Amino acid sequence: MAEDQNEEGGLTESNPNVNTISELPAKKFTITMEFPLFIVMMGMSLCGAAISNILLYRTCVHALNHSVEECLPFLSLDKNNETHRLEAEVQKYATVVGTIRGIIEALVPAILSFFLGVWSDTHGRKPLVVWPLFGMTMSSMLVVVYSTMDNLGPWWFILTCIPYSLTGGFTIFFTGAFCYLSDITSSENRSIRMTIMEASVGLGSVVGSLLSAHVLRLVGNVYLLLIAASLNVIAYVFTNVCLRESLAGAIEGSVTSVLDFLLVKEMFRECFKRRPNNGRAQLLLLTIANSLSIFILYGIFNLEYMFTRQQLHWAMKEYTQFSALSTMIAFFGSFAGIGLFQKLLRRSDLVVANLGFITNIIDYFIRTFSTKTWHMYLGASVGSLRGLTAPLIRSFLTKILPVVDIAKVFALMSAIEGVCPLIAPLVYNSLYQITVTVLPGSIYILSSAVTAICVVSLTVVQYYRWNAASPYEPLASA
């Protein structure tokens, strides 16, 4: 999958025939990873709540043997209390199915993440983007097939995630995206470019959430899922045809070249070697903080809709509206935060990321005890900086690491993040099952505790950085 990098007019911001072993000069802004991320997230948000409703309905009818008339309100777009009697029973069973699917979905990406980051140093970043998108496309098509077959129970839904899992899923996709962006940007514009990339994820979620209920009302479940699958096809075609490889001299790799344990050994050697000024501890603490934020994301993702149904008696329409507006708040909050704290007040990536974590904790506590709709929007407003934590941690790492170590550290982060989808759904779903009738907001209490660990980790790193001459003094190798 190597590309000819000597042609002019590439899609990168850097000289396309300069490898990543040296710092790259800034070039004119061009869209690269932002478009496929926007398209994929729009498709996911477009069909996310609809898939949850289908799973709840199939669980109600096929697994718990209730009548179609009793279960049909689970597919309703509008707010109603007709399912209140069945809600807890159906949600408990559906979370078991979701847990098993989540584990299968994350298993192969967790293994691949140990290999592919370092593998991409030789064979290029583009495969780490193209392969997962192909798997997402195939899985979304299987979801369409599943939705058309009313006689299939909830357990059949698990099979739809197999192509997604085998090709690396979002774990590998985001690793490739961040490595690609690191290759094509300079240290001066990296923070804003990574924030823009994260914002494209948020914007896609906003657009998908806003359109979801309206499109579903117009075309129904099957065609809605077909539209989402088509968006994945567009993202795959764009990256496969239009995206240029960011590494000069990348050589084509094979499937067998991926599972090379020397790659894992090299990654661990570089990431865990001693570095002056507590450099190793800084890297590991930053990796832990970033990975725990991903742990929360995977834990809450499939439960927020069920939480709002149980706690606030929302239907799909209310949830998709909240999802869109809260993501929009985070979208504007991210750019406002960059402008205020970095451009105006000259705060470092680390300080702003920690502020994002602190506001997240407040947001989670507000959501835990919410009893009215406006409580949820208040929490989202307080946590408006949450979108900055992940991109700023990665941006900070790229500024303090030797350039040759960036992909290896990102690979370690990817490897740890790859384990999160295996553990997080198990922990969160189990907790939600136990507390759904007593305190469904317990998932947010857990999230607050985990986020507090992130705050402590970044605070310790900040303590170590006080001894540095500048906020971005490189962590030299020992």
Foldseek 3Di string as FASTA:
>chain_A
DADDQPDPDAQFQFRQQDFLLDFTDGHDHGDFLLQLLLLLLLLCLLCVQQLVLLQLLLCVCPVVNDDNVQSVCSNDQAFDCSCVVVLLVSLLVSLVLVLVLLQLLLVQLLVLLLFVLLVCSAAFLLLLAQQLLVLVLQLLVVVLVVVVDSVDHNNVNSVSSNSNRNSNHPLSNVLSVLVLLLLRHGLVCQLVVLLSSLLSNLQSNLNSLVCNSVVCVVPNNNVSSVVSSVSSVVSNCCSVPRHHTRGNNRDHDDPVVRPDCVSSVVLCCLQQADFPLCVNLLLVLLLLLLLLVLLLCLQCVSCPQSLCCLQAVGHSNLVSNLSNVLSVLLSVLQVVLCCPCCVPVNDALLVLLLCLLVLLLVLLVQVQPDRDPVSNVVSSNSNSPVSSNNSSSLSLQSLAESSVSSSSSSSVSSSSSSCSSNVSSVVNSVVCSVCVVPGNSVSSVVSSVSSVSSSVSSVVSVVSCVPPPDNRHHGDGD
